[in-house]
Amino acid sequence: MSGDKEQASSLLDSGKDLNNKQVCAKNGKRKAAGDNRESPKKKKRNVDQDKKSVADQKREFQARYVEEHQLGEGGCGAVFAGYRIEDRFPVAIKHIPKNKVYCKVADESGKKLSVEVAIMVKLAGEAEGSVGISAPVSLLEWFDLGKELILVLERPVPAVDLQKYKAENGRTLTEDKAKVILKQLVDAVKELEDKHIFHRDIKGQNILIETGSDVPRVRIIDFGLSCFVKQRSLYRIFYGTPLHIPPEWYIRSCYRCGPTTVWQMGVVLYEALHARYFSTARFLTKKLSIKKRLSTECRNFLDACLAIVPEKRPTLEELQLHPWLR
């Protein structure tokens, strides 16, 4: 592994940096979710869009929802807290300017549609009538307002993102607490993989932790950079968080869904157990150390996820069977 690190490190030193035009970064901070009491869940409205005018859709949105304070803003849009008027059900309202829709896919009629919308519609359709049950937050409705898209999503409460959850637990999580979260997270991303969906930006800010029960529950948010995956798809343009670029992008200028997601599992676990942010560049140049007090199984899990050569990383299915998660 040290030889692999040295090869990647030499590429870093030779000038292959994060300013490369092939890196499509998504920046921005997400504030914690609100902590209002959740109203009883109701069956979601139909997520399919009829051919309505922009004015009709705007009136419909304003008649159904109240938009409140901003929760966060990123490279693909801004998210606001809100609620559904008929039952005060908490929602997150995401505004996406059309000029920031980087990825599109053709629908059944041939019309180009935001991949984020298409993926959220697919997930909502496969979990019909089960808002709040799946790990990815559910899409309730979406509106096309001409120059922007509005996505109305469920907003779990009480919940905070993993970064804040870690801060509230003394800046790092115990191994046992981290295990509870990683087990759920690995199961969730494996389910996405089975549905041919590549999130591409799994990180602490995109993982909500529901705190309303004794056992924290993982929810996945922000599919703004996600895409549908074909068998053994190879990607040459990186969409995601530059700090977390997998080593193979430095070495081979390309990456794949499975190994990249496993790498992100390692990044999430590293940050959960350490009071510092993970950086691939710092990891490759041996400027990041791993706690020595971790159990052998936990250390093995972390080392496996953060293997420099992607072929040496386990699959998500193999991670599910790892002794540390059993």
C-alpha atoms as a PDB file:
ATOM      1  CA  MET A   1       0.000   0.000   0.000  1.00  0.00           C
ATOM      2  CA  SER A   2       2.895   2.357   0.712  1.00  0.00           C
ATOM      3  CA  GLY A   3       4.069   2.000  -2.910  1.00  0.00           C
ATOM      4  CA  ASP A   4       0.595   2.923  -4.160  1.00  0.00           C
ATOM      5  CA  LYS A   5       0.600   5.963  -1.889  1.00  0.00           C
ATOM      6  CA  GLU A   6       3.983   7.068  -3.183  1.00  0.00           C
ATOM      7  CA  GLN A   7       2.807   6.783  -6.804  1.00  0.00           C
ATOM      8  CA  ALA A   8      -0.286   8.881  -6.110  1.00  0.00           C
ATOM      9  CA  SER A   9       1.726  11.325  -4.015  1.00  0.00           C
ATOM     10  CA  SER A  10       4.201  11.866  -6.854  1.00  0.00           C
ATOM     11  CA  LEU A  11       1.313  12.718  -9.179  1.00  0.00           C
ATOM     12  CA  LEU A  12       0.097  15.266  -6.663  1.00  0.00           C
ATOM     13  CA  ASP A  13       3.556  16.809  -6.512  1.00  0.00           C
ATOM     14  CA  SER A  14       3.765  16.927 -10.315  1.00  0.00           C
ATOM     15  CA  GLY A  15       0.877  19.359 -10.458  1.00  0.00           C
ATOM     16  CA  LYS A  16      -2.344  17.405 -10.944  1.00  0.00           C
ATOM     17  CA  ASP A  17      -4.354  19.545  -8.564  1.00  0.00           C
ATOM     18  CA  LEU A  18      -7.969  20.209  -7.703  1.00  0.00           C
ATOM     19  CA  ASN A  19      -8.221  23.158 -10.080  1.00  0.00           C
ATOM     20  CA  ASN A  20      -8.295  20.811 -13.054  1.00  0.00           C
ATOM     21  CA  LYS A  21     -11.241  21.723 -15.276  1.00  0.00           C
ATOM     22  CA  GLN A  22     -12.430  18.115 -15.089  1.00  0.00           C
ATOM     23  CA  VAL A  23     -13.336  18.547 -11.433  1.00  0.00           C
ATOM     24  CA  CYS A  24     -16.882  19.786 -10.965  1.00  0.00           C
ATOM     25  CA  ALA A  25     -16.893  20.816  -7.319  1.00  0.00           C
ATOM     26  CA  LYS A  26     -19.970  21.393  -5.247  1.00  0.00           C
ATOM     27  CA  ASN A  27     -19.287  23.829  -2.447  1.00  0.00           C
ATOM     28  CA  GLY A  28     -21.432  25.295   0.299  1.00  0.00           C
ATOM     29  CA  LYS A  29     -22.401  24.652   3.877  1.00  0.00           C
ATOM     30  CA  ARG A  30     -25.615  23.072   5.068  1.00  0.00           C
ATOM     31  CA  LYS A  31     -27.103  24.166   8.343  1.00  0.00           C
ATOM     32  CA  ALA A  32     -28.670  21.711  10.733  1.00  0.00           C
ATOM     33  CA  ALA A  33     -32.221  20.583  10.126  1.00  0.00           C
ATOM     34  CA  GLY A  34     -34.934  22.111  12.246  1.00  0.00           C
ATOM     35  CA  ASP A  35     -36.228  20.460  15.384  1.00  0.00           C
ATOM     36  CA  ASN A  36     -39.961  21.103  15.114  1.00  0.00           C
ATOM     37  CA  ARG A  37     -42.253  18.299  16.174  1.00  0.00           C
ATOM     38  CA  GLU A  38     -43.150  16.139  13.196  1.00  0.00           C
ATOM     39  CA  SER A  39     -46.775  15.987  12.164  1.00  0.00           C
ATOM     40  CA  PRO A  40     -48.377  12.618  11.392  1.00  0.00           C
ATOM     41  CA  LYS A  41     -47.149  11.326   8.056  1.00  0.00           C
ATOM     42  CA  LYS A  42     -49.607  11.461   5.198  1.00  0.00           C
ATOM     43  CA  LYS A  43     -49.430   9.725   1.896  1.00  0.00           C
ATOM     44  CA  LYS A  44     -47.303  11.801  -0.448  1.00  0.00           C
ATOM     45  CA  ARG A  45     -48.847  13.537  -3.401  1.00  0.00           C
ATOM     46  CA  ASN A  46     -48.252  12.262  -6.889  1.00  0.00           C
ATOM     47  CA  VAL A  47     -44.731  13.259  -7.943  1.00  0.00           C
ATOM     48  CA  ASP A  48     -45.555  13.213 -11.659  1.00  0.00           C
ATOM     49  CA  GLN A  49     -45.839  16.597 -13.348  1.00  0.00           C
ATOM     50  CA  ASP A  50     -48.758  17.441 -15.605  1.00  0.00           C
ATOM     51  CA  LYS A  51     -48.381  19.884 -18.449  1.00  0.00           C
ATOM     52  CA  LYS A  52     -49.241  22.985 -16.439  1.00  0.00           C
ATOM     53  CA  SER A  53     -48.184  26.551 -17.095  1.00  0.00           C
ATOM     54  CA  VAL A  54     -45.441  28.135 -15.002  1.00  0.00           C
ATOM     55  CA  ALA A  55     -48.004  30.465 -13.438  1.00  0.00           C
ATOM     56  CA  ASP A  56     -50.272  27.544 -12.519  1.00  0.00           C
ATOM     57  CA  GLN A  57     -47.418  25.630 -10.941  1.00  0.00           C
ATOM     58  CA  LYS A  58     -46.280  28.667  -8.963  1.00  0.00           C
ATOM     59  CA  ARG A  59     -49.794  29.242  -7.617  1.00  0.00           C
ATOM     60  CA  GLU A  60     -50.079  25.557  -6.763  1.00  0.00           C
ATOM     61  CA  PHE A  61     -46.784  25.596  -4.854  1.00  0.00           C
ATOM     62  CA  GLN A  62     -47.722  28.732  -2.913  1.00  0.00           C
ATOM     63  CA  ALA A  63     -51.161  27.321  -2.087  1.00  0.00           C
ATOM     64  CA  ARG A  64     -49.715  24.119  -0.633  1.00  0.00           C
ATOM     65  CA  TYR A  65     -46.531  25.132   1.159  1.00  0.00           C
ATOM     66  CA  VAL A  66     -45.078  27.796   3.425  1.00  0.00           C
ATOM     67  CA  GLU A  67     -41.385  28.518   2.978  1.00  0.00           C
ATOM     68  CA  GLU A  68     -39.401  29.602   6.049  1.00  0.00           C
ATOM     69  CA  HIS A  69     -35.703  30.071   6.909  1.00  0.00           C
ATOM     70  CA  GLN A  70     -32.801  28.888   4.774  1.00  0.00           C
ATOM     71  CA  LEU A  71     -31.176  25.616   5.791  1.00  0.00           C
ATOM     72  CA  GLY A  72     -28.209  25.688   3.454  1.00  0.00           C
ATOM     73  CA  GLU A  73     -26.827  26.564   0.056  1.00  0.00           C
ATOM     74  CA  GLY A  74     -24.547  24.689  -2.310  1.00  0.00           C
ATOM     75  CA  GLY A  75     -23.320  24.721  -5.859  1.00  0.00           C
ATOM     76  CA  CYS A  76     -26.644  23.425  -7.208  1.00  0.00           C
ATOM     77  CA  GLY A  77     -29.114  25.579  -5.283  1.00  0.00           C
ATOM     78  CA  ALA A  78     -30.497  26.638  -1.916  1.00  0.00           C
ATOM     79  CA  VAL A  79     -32.629  24.695   0.571  1.00  0.00           C
ATOM     80  CA  PHE A  80     -35.253  26.193   2.884  1.00  0.00           C
ATOM     81  CA  ALA A  81     -37.264  24.818   5.769  1.00  0.00           C
ATOM     82  CA  GLY A  82     -41.014  24.866   5.376  1.00  0.00           C
ATOM     83  CA  TYR A  83     -44.219  22.971   5.971  1.00  0.00           C
ATOM     84  CA  ARG A  84     -47.237  21.643   4.102  1.00  0.00           C
ATOM     85  CA  ILE A  85     -50.201  23.882   4.832  1.00  0.00           C
ATOM     86  CA  GLU A  86     -52.895  21.197   5.062  1.00  0.00           C
ATOM     87  CA  ASP A  87     -51.231  19.315   7.940  1.00  0.00           C
ATOM     88  CA  ARG A  88     -48.084  21.308   8.842  1.00  0.00           C
ATOM     89  CA  PHE A  89     -45.927  18.375   7.765  1.00  0.00           C
ATOM     90  CA  PRO A  90     -42.255  19.541   7.823  1.00  0.00           C
ATOM     91  CA  VAL A  91     -40.669  19.824   4.389  1.00  0.00           C
ATOM     92  CA  ALA A  92     -37.401  20.938   2.849  1.00  0.00           C
ATOM     93  CA  ILE A  93     -37.851  23.157  -0.204  1.00  0.00           C
ATOM     94  CA  LYS A  94     -34.981  23.095  -2.680  1.00  0.00           C
ATOM     95  CA  HIS A  95     -34.640  25.816  -5.314  1.00  0.00           C
ATOM     96  CA  ILE A  96     -32.471  24.807  -8.287  1.00  0.00           C
ATOM     97  CA  PRO A  97     -31.710  27.458 -10.943  1.00  0.00           C
ATOM     98  CA  LYS A  98     -31.991  25.901 -14.400  1.00  0.00           C
ATOM     99  CA  ASN A  99     -28.489  27.154 -15.270  1.00  0.00           C
ATOM    100  CA  LYS A 100     -27.115  25.036 -12.420  1.00  0.00           C
ATOM    101  CA  VAL A 101     -28.657  21.789 -13.617  1.00  0.00           C
ATOM    102  CA  TYR A 102     -25.441  20.102 -14.748  1.00  0.00           C
ATOM    103  CA  CYS A 103     -26.824  16.641 -15.509  1.00  0.00           C
ATOM    104  CA  LYS A 104     -29.939  15.832 -17.525  1.00  0.00           C
ATOM    105  CA  VAL A 105     -31.659  12.710 -18.783  1.00  0.00           C
ATOM    106  CA  ALA A 106     -34.452  12.210 -21.327  1.00  0.00           C
ATOM    107  CA  ASP A 107     -37.858  11.193 -19.981  1.00  0.00           C
ATOM    108  CA  GLU A 108     -40.344   8.905 -21.756  1.00  0.00           C
ATOM    109  CA  SER A 109     -41.439  11.718 -24.073  1.00  0.00           C
ATOM    110  CA  GLY A 110     -37.850  12.627 -24.942  1.00  0.00           C
ATOM    111  CA  LYS A 111     -37.903  15.834 -22.901  1.00  0.00           C
ATOM    112  CA  LYS A 112     -34.699  16.627 -21.024  1.00  0.00           C
ATOM    113  CA  LEU A 113     -35.148  16.361 -17.271  1.00  0.00           C
ATOM    114  CA  SER A 114     -32.846  17.121 -14.348  1.00  0.00           C
ATOM    115  CA  VAL A 115     -31.169  13.868 -13.283  1.00  0.00           C
ATOM    116  CA  GLU A 116     -31.758  14.815  -9.647  1.00  0.00           C
ATOM    117  CA  VAL A 117     -35.500  15.054 -10.296  1.00  0.00           C
ATOM    118  CA  ALA A 118     -35.499  11.813 -12.302  1.00  0.00           C
ATOM    119  CA  ILE A 119     -33.664   9.947  -9.547  1.00  0.00           C
ATOM    120  CA  MET A 120     -35.848  11.333  -6.764  1.00  0.00           C
ATOM    121  CA  VAL A 121     -38.978  10.459  -8.770  1.00  0.00           C
ATOM    122  CA  LYS A 122     -37.637   6.923  -9.291  1.00  0.00           C
ATOM    123  CA  LEU A 123     -36.898   6.513  -5.574  1.00  0.00           C
ATOM    124  CA  ALA A 124     -40.291   7.952  -4.607  1.00  0.00           C
ATOM    125  CA  GLY A 125     -42.083   5.683  -7.069  1.00  0.00           C
ATOM    126  CA  GLU A 126     -40.362   2.567  -5.749  1.00  0.00           C
ATOM    127  CA  ALA A 127     -41.227   3.537  -2.178  1.00  0.00           C
ATOM    128  CA  GLU A 128     -44.845   4.495  -2.898  1.00  0.00           C
ATOM    129  CA  GLY A 129     -46.742   5.350   0.272  1.00  0.00           C
ATOM    130  CA  SER A 130     -43.671   4.985   2.487  1.00  0.00           C
ATOM    131  CA  VAL A 131     -42.535   8.549   3.146  1.00  0.00           C
ATOM    132  CA  GLY A 132     -40.038   8.492   5.978  1.00  0.00           C
ATOM    133  CA  ILE A 133     -39.249   4.783   5.680  1.00  0.00           C
ATOM    134  CA  SER A 134     -36.449   4.700   3.092  1.00  0.00           C
ATOM    135  CA  ALA A 135     -32.933   5.939   3.879  1.00  0.00           C
ATOM    136  CA  PRO A 136     -32.988   8.582   1.109  1.00  0.00           C
ATOM    137  CA  VAL A 137     -35.360  11.405   2.008  1.00  0.00           C
ATOM    138  CA  SER A 138     -38.546  11.219  -0.062  1.00  0.00           C
ATOM    139  CA  LEU A 139     -39.561  13.597  -2.828  1.00  0.00           C
ATOM    140  CA  LEU A 140     -43.134  14.761  -2.235  1.00  0.00           C
ATOM    141  CA  GLU A 141     -43.628  17.014  -5.260  1.00  0.00           C
ATOM    142  CA  TRP A 142     -41.673  19.081  -7.748  1.00  0.00           C
ATOM    143  CA  PHE A 143     -42.483  22.177  -9.747  1.00  0.00           C
ATOM    144  CA  ASP A 144     -41.004  23.641 -12.934  1.00  0.00           C
ATOM    145  CA  LEU A 145     -41.147  27.430 -12.609  1.00  0.00           C
ATOM    146  CA  GLY A 146     -39.400  28.272 -15.852  1.00  0.00           C
ATOM    147  CA  LYS A 147     -36.036  29.557 -14.665  1.00  0.00           C
ATOM    148  CA  GLU A 148     -35.859  27.272 -11.664  1.00  0.00           C
ATOM    149  CA  LEU A 149     -37.008  23.916 -10.355  1.00  0.00           C
ATOM    150  CA  ILE A 150     -38.511  23.517  -6.904  1.00  0.00           C
ATOM    151  CA  LEU A 151     -38.228  20.170  -5.143  1.00  0.00           C
ATOM    152  CA  VAL A 152     -40.368  19.584  -2.061  1.00  0.00           C
ATOM    153  CA  LEU A 153     -38.842  16.888   0.129  1.00  0.00           C
ATOM    154  CA  GLU A 154     -39.654  15.426   3.501  1.00  0.00           C
ATOM    155  CA  ARG A 155     -37.694  17.061   6.333  1.00  0.00           C
ATOM    156  CA  PRO A 156     -36.942  14.622   9.160  1.00  0.00           C
ATOM    157  CA  VAL A 157     -37.259  16.201  12.617  1.00  0.00           C
ATOM    158  CA  PRO A 158     -35.552  16.195  14.970  1.00  0.00           C
ATOM    159  CA  ALA A 159     -32.399  15.623  12.940  1.00  0.00           C
ATOM    160  CA  VAL A 160     -28.941  17.080  12.400  1.00  0.00           C
ATOM    161  CA  ASP A 161     -26.292  16.340   9.817  1.00  0.00           C
ATOM    162  CA  LEU A 162     -23.469  13.993  10.755  1.00  0.00           C
ATOM    163  CA  GLN A 163     -20.982  16.836  11.178  1.00  0.00           C
ATOM    164  CA  LYS A 164     -23.118  18.525  13.821  1.00  0.00           C
ATOM    165  CA  TYR A 165     -24.016  15.176  15.399  1.00  0.00           C
ATOM    166  CA  LYS A 166     -20.304  14.530  15.822  1.00  0.00           C
ATOM    167  CA  ALA A 167     -19.769  17.984  17.340  1.00  0.00           C
ATOM    168  CA  GLU A 168     -22.598  17.379  19.812  1.00  0.00           C
ATOM    169  CA  ASN A 169     -20.898  14.139  20.878  1.00  0.00           C
ATOM    170  CA  GLY A 170     -17.559  15.694  21.807  1.00  0.00           C
ATOM    171  CA  ARG A 171     -16.036  16.274  18.322  1.00  0.00           C
ATOM    172  CA  THR A 172     -15.581  12.542  17.671  1.00  0.00           C
ATOM    173  CA  LEU A 173     -17.806   9.488  17.892  1.00  0.00           C
ATOM    174  CA  THR A 174     -17.042   6.382  19.868  1.00  0.00           C
ATOM    175  CA  GLU A 175     -16.385   3.308  17.782  1.00  0.00           C
ATOM    176  CA  ASP A 176     -19.738   1.834  18.837  1.00  0.00           C
ATOM    177  CA  LYS A 177     -21.684   4.947  17.765  1.00  0.00           C
ATOM    178  CA  ALA A 178     -19.789   5.134  14.487  1.00  0.00           C
ATOM    179  CA  LYS A 179     -20.589   1.475  13.832  1.00  0.00           C
ATOM    180  CA  VAL A 180     -24.348   2.070  14.210  1.00  0.00           C
ATOM    181  CA  ILE A 181     -24.163   4.821  11.595  1.00  0.00           C
ATOM    182  CA  LEU A 182     -21.815   3.057   9.166  1.00  0.00           C
ATOM    183  CA  LYS A 183     -23.877  -0.135   9.174  1.00  0.00           C
ATOM    184  CA  GLN A 184     -26.984   1.797   8.127  1.00  0.00           C
ATOM    185  CA  LEU A 185     -25.033   3.885   5.636  1.00  0.00           C
ATOM    186  CA  VAL A 186     -23.450   0.902   3.892  1.00  0.00           C
ATOM    187  CA  ASP A 187     -26.877  -0.762   3.618  1.00  0.00           C
ATOM    188  CA  ALA A 188     -28.344   2.455   2.189  1.00  0.00           C
ATOM    189  CA  VAL A 189     -25.709   3.004  -0.498  1.00  0.00           C
ATOM    190  CA  LYS A 190     -25.814  -0.695  -1.422  1.00  0.00           C
ATOM    191  CA  GLU A 191     -29.546  -0.292  -2.024  1.00  0.00           C
ATOM    192  CA  LEU A 192     -28.836   2.720  -4.239  1.00  0.00           C
ATOM    193  CA  GLU A 193     -26.241   0.713  -6.151  1.00  0.00           C
ATOM    194  CA  ASP A 194     -28.789  -2.082  -6.666  1.00  0.00           C
ATOM    195  CA  LYS A 195     -31.094   0.540  -8.201  1.00  0.00           C
ATOM    196  CA  HIS A 196     -28.252   1.734 -10.463  1.00  0.00           C
ATOM    197  CA  ILE A 197     -27.954   5.087  -8.693  1.00  0.00           C
ATOM    198  CA  PHE A 198     -24.585   6.695  -7.923  1.00  0.00           C
ATOM    199  CA  HIS A 199     -24.902   9.488  -5.327  1.00  0.00           C
ATOM    200  CA  ARG A 200     -21.313  10.686  -5.945  1.00  0.00           C
ATOM    201  CA  ASP A 201     -21.137  12.953  -2.879  1.00  0.00           C
ATOM    202  CA  ILE A 202     -21.666  10.885   0.264  1.00  0.00           C
ATOM    203  CA  LYS A 203     -20.185  12.922   3.121  1.00  0.00           C
ATOM    204  CA  GLY A 204     -21.048  14.158   6.600  1.00  0.00           C
ATOM    205  CA  GLN A 205     -23.050  17.159   5.384  1.00  0.00           C
ATOM    206  CA  ASN A 206     -25.217  14.920   3.185  1.00  0.00           C
ATOM    207  CA  ILE A 207     -26.019  12.429   5.934  1.00  0.00           C
ATOM    208  CA  LEU A 208     -28.820  13.335   8.327  1.00  0.00           C
ATOM    209  CA  ILE A 209     -29.035  11.639  11.692  1.00  0.00           C
ATOM    210  CA  GLU A 210     -32.540  11.383  13.128  1.00  0.00           C
ATOM    211  CA  THR A 211     -32.287  11.768  16.890  1.00  0.00           C
ATOM    212  CA  GLY A 212     -35.865  11.183  17.985  1.00  0.00           C
ATOM    213  CA  SER A 213     -35.225   7.676  19.332  1.00  0.00           C
ATOM    214  CA  ASP A 214     -32.577   5.830  21.334  1.00  0.00           C
ATOM    215  CA  VAL A 215     -30.947   4.513  18.155  1.00  0.00           C
ATOM    216  CA  PRO A 216     -29.831   7.224  15.690  1.00  0.00           C
ATOM    217  CA  ARG A 217     -31.209   6.722  12.196  1.00  0.00           C
ATOM    218  CA  VAL A 218     -29.371   7.547   8.962  1.00  0.00           C
ATOM    219  CA  ARG A 219     -31.028   9.484   6.127  1.00  0.00           C
ATOM    220  CA  ILE A 220     -29.326  10.461   2.875  1.00  0.00           C
ATOM    221  CA  ILE A 221     -29.923  13.870   1.333  1.00  0.00           C
ATOM    222  CA  ASP A 222     -28.821  15.991  -1.635  1.00  0.00           C
ATOM    223  CA  PHE A 223     -28.857  14.007  -4.866  1.00  0.00           C
ATOM    224  CA  GLY A 224     -27.818  17.091  -6.850  1.00  0.00           C
ATOM    225  CA  LEU A 225     -24.713  15.426  -8.300  1.00  0.00           C
ATOM    226  CA  SER A 226     -26.101  11.909  -8.588  1.00  0.00           C
ATOM    227  CA  CYS A 227     -26.475   9.918 -11.795  1.00  0.00           C
ATOM    228  CA  PHE A 228     -27.811   6.656 -13.166  1.00  0.00           C
ATOM    229  CA  VAL A 229     -25.168   3.965 -13.529  1.00  0.00           C
ATOM    230  CA  LYS A 230     -24.675   1.596 -16.430  1.00  0.00           C
ATOM    231  CA  GLN A 231     -22.732  -1.606 -15.894  1.00  0.00           C
ATOM    232  CA  ARG A 232     -19.059  -0.792 -15.267  1.00  0.00           C
ATOM    233  CA  SER A 233     -19.555   2.882 -16.162  1.00  0.00           C
ATOM    234  CA  LEU A 234     -16.273   4.812 -16.200  1.00  0.00           C
ATOM    235  CA  TYR A 235     -16.239   8.503 -15.255  1.00  0.00           C
ATOM    236  CA  ARG A 236     -13.605  11.039 -16.263  1.00  0.00           C
ATOM    237  CA  ILE A 237     -15.164  14.250 -14.942  1.00  0.00           C
ATOM    238  CA  PHE A 238     -15.293  14.338 -11.165  1.00  0.00           C
ATOM    239  CA  TYR A 239     -18.506  15.567  -9.572  1.00  0.00           C
ATOM    240  CA  GLY A 240     -18.343  15.841  -5.803  1.00  0.00           C
ATOM    241  CA  THR A 241     -16.250  17.219  -2.980  1.00  0.00           C
ATOM    242  CA  PRO A 242     -12.664  17.945  -4.154  1.00  0.00           C
ATOM    243  CA  LEU A 243     -11.167  17.071  -0.758  1.00  0.00           C
ATOM    244  CA  HIS A 244     -12.526  13.533  -1.137  1.00  0.00           C
ATOM    245  CA  ILE A 245     -11.462  12.714  -4.710  1.00  0.00           C
ATOM    246  CA  PRO A 246     -10.541   9.012  -4.889  1.00  0.00           C
ATOM    247  CA  PRO A 247      -6.847   8.318  -5.573  1.00  0.00           C
ATOM    248  CA  GLU A 248      -7.557   6.645  -8.922  1.00  0.00           C
ATOM    249  CA  TRP A 249      -8.613   9.986 -10.348  1.00  0.00           C
ATOM    250  CA  TYR A 250      -5.100  11.261  -9.664  1.00  0.00           C
ATOM    251  CA  ILE A 251      -3.465   8.091 -10.956  1.00  0.00           C
ATOM    252  CA  ARG A 252      -5.710   7.160 -13.915  1.00  0.00           C
ATOM    253  CA  SER A 253      -7.845  10.285 -14.470  1.00  0.00           C
ATOM    254  CA  CYS A 254     -10.989   8.176 -14.074  1.00  0.00           C
ATOM    255  CA  TYR A 255     -13.118   6.462 -11.431  1.00  0.00           C
ATOM    256  CA  ARG A 256     -16.015   4.024 -11.055  1.00  0.00           C
ATOM    257  CA  CYS A 257     -19.153   3.971  -8.940  1.00  0.00           C
ATOM    258  CA  GLY A 258     -18.535   1.050  -6.571  1.00  0.00           C
ATOM    259  CA  PRO A 259     -14.919   1.712  -5.535  1.00  0.00           C
ATOM    260  CA  THR A 260     -15.598   5.448  -5.193  1.00  0.00           C
ATOM    261  CA  THR A 261     -18.574   4.858  -2.907  1.00  0.00           C
ATOM    262  CA  VAL A 262     -16.487   2.480  -0.787  1.00  0.00           C
ATOM    263  CA  TRP A 263     -13.763   5.153  -0.599  1.00  0.00           C
ATOM    264  CA  GLN A 264     -16.421   7.587   0.644  1.00  0.00           C
ATOM    265  CA  MET A 265     -17.421   5.091   3.351  1.00  0.00           C
ATOM    266  CA  GLY A 266     -13.820   5.267   4.550  1.00  0.00           C
ATOM    267  CA  VAL A 267     -13.849   9.060   4.468  1.00  0.00           C
ATOM    268  CA  VAL A 268     -17.082   9.228   6.486  1.00  0.00           C
ATOM    269  CA  LEU A 269     -15.760   6.764   9.069  1.00  0.00           C
ATOM    270  CA  TYR A 270     -12.409   8.543   9.317  1.00  0.00           C
ATOM    271  CA  GLU A 271     -14.078  11.892  10.007  1.00  0.00           C
ATOM    272  CA  ALA A 272     -16.491  10.309  12.487  1.00  0.00           C
ATOM    273  CA  LEU A 273     -13.609   8.894  14.539  1.00  0.00           C
ATOM    274  CA  HIS A 274     -11.178  11.817  14.256  1.00  0.00           C
ATOM    275  CA  ALA A 275     -11.452  15.486  15.184  1.00  0.00           C
ATOM    276  CA  ARG A 276     -10.285  16.643  11.760  1.00  0.00           C
ATOM    277  CA  TYR A 277     -11.447  16.762   8.158  1.00  0.00           C
ATOM    278  CA  PHE A 278     -10.289  14.155   5.675  1.00  0.00           C
ATOM    279  CA  SER A 279      -8.269  15.195   2.643  1.00  0.00           C
ATOM    280  CA  THR A 280      -7.217  12.717  -0.029  1.00  0.00           C
ATOM    281  CA  ALA A 281      -4.166  14.832  -0.834  1.00  0.00           C
ATOM    282  CA  ARG A 282      -3.049  14.896   2.806  1.00  0.00           C
ATOM    283  CA  PHE A 283      -3.770  11.173   3.158  1.00  0.00           C
ATOM    284  CA  LEU A 284      -1.655  10.321   0.111  1.00  0.00           C
ATOM    285  CA  THR A 285       1.234  12.458   1.341  1.00  0.00           C
ATOM    286  CA  LYS A 286       1.056  10.752   4.751  1.00  0.00           C
ATOM    287  CA  LYS A 287      -0.012  13.913   6.569  1.00  0.00           C
ATOM    288  CA  LEU A 288      -3.087  12.247   8.080  1.00  0.00           C
ATOM    289  CA  SER A 289      -2.720   9.618  10.770  1.00  0.00           C
ATOM    290  CA  ILE A 290      -5.227   7.009  11.932  1.00  0.00           C
ATOM    291  CA  LYS A 291      -5.889   6.503  15.636  1.00  0.00           C
ATOM    292  CA  LYS A 292      -3.901   3.634  17.096  1.00  0.00           C
ATOM    293  CA  ARG A 293      -6.508   2.920  19.764  1.00  0.00           C
ATOM    294  CA  LEU A 294      -9.099   1.628  17.315  1.00  0.00           C
ATOM    295  CA  SER A 295     -10.052  -2.034  17.497  1.00  0.00           C
ATOM    296  CA  THR A 296      -8.341  -4.357  15.030  1.00  0.00           C
ATOM    297  CA  GLU A 297     -11.596  -4.956  13.138  1.00  0.00           C
ATOM    298  CA  CYS A 298     -12.386  -1.244  12.881  1.00  0.00           C
ATOM    299  CA  ARG A 299      -8.877  -0.458  11.670  1.00  0.00           C
ATOM    300  CA  ASN A 300      -9.154  -3.258   9.123  1.00  0.00           C
ATOM    301  CA  PHE A 301     -12.485  -1.867   7.868  1.00  0.00           C
ATOM    302  CA  LEU A 302     -10.995   1.624   7.532  1.00  0.00           C
ATOM    303  CA  ASP A 303      -7.842   0.405   5.796  1.00  0.00           C
ATOM    304  CA  ALA A 304      -9.918  -1.651   3.352  1.00  0.00           C
ATOM    305  CA  CYS A 305     -12.124   1.302   2.381  1.00  0.00           C
ATOM    306  CA  LEU A 306      -9.128   3.612   2.003  1.00  0.00           C
ATOM    307  CA  ALA A 307      -7.037   1.249  -0.123  1.00  0.00           C
ATOM    308  CA  ILE A 308      -5.232   3.349  -2.725  1.00  0.00           C
ATOM    309  CA  VAL A 309      -5.791   0.908  -5.596  1.00  0.00           C
ATOM    310  CA  PRO A 310      -9.556   0.653  -6.267  1.00  0.00           C
ATOM    311  CA  GLU A 311      -9.347  -3.048  -7.164  1.00  0.00           C
ATOM    312  CA  LYS A 312      -8.078  -3.736  -3.647  1.00  0.00           C
ATOM    313  CA  ARG A 313     -11.139  -2.195  -1.996  1.00  0.00           C
ATOM    314  CA  PRO A 314     -13.993  -4.506  -1.014  1.00  0.00           C
ATOM    315  CA  THR A 315     -17.359  -4.242  -2.713  1.00  0.00           C
ATOM    316  CA  LEU A 316     -20.292  -2.783  -0.798  1.00  0.00           C
ATOM    317  CA  GLU A 317     -21.684  -6.296  -0.434  1.00  0.00           C
ATOM    318  CA  GLU A 318     -18.391  -7.415   1.104  1.00  0.00           C
ATOM    319  CA  LEU A 319     -18.479  -4.428   3.457  1.00  0.00           C
ATOM    320  CA  GLN A 320     -21.925  -5.502   4.648  1.00  0.00           C
ATOM    321  CA  LEU A 321     -20.361  -8.816   5.695  1.00  0.00           C
ATOM    322  CA  HIS A 322     -17.294  -7.284   7.326  1.00  0.00           C
ATOM    323  CA  PRO A 323     -16.750  -8.546  10.917  1.00  0.00           C
ATOM    324  CA  TRP A 324     -16.708  -4.994  12.280  1.00  0.00           C
ATOM    325  CA  LEU A 325     -20.319  -4.439  11.166  1.00  0.00           C
ATOM    326  CA  ARG A 326     -21.641  -7.834  12.227  1.00  0.00           C
END
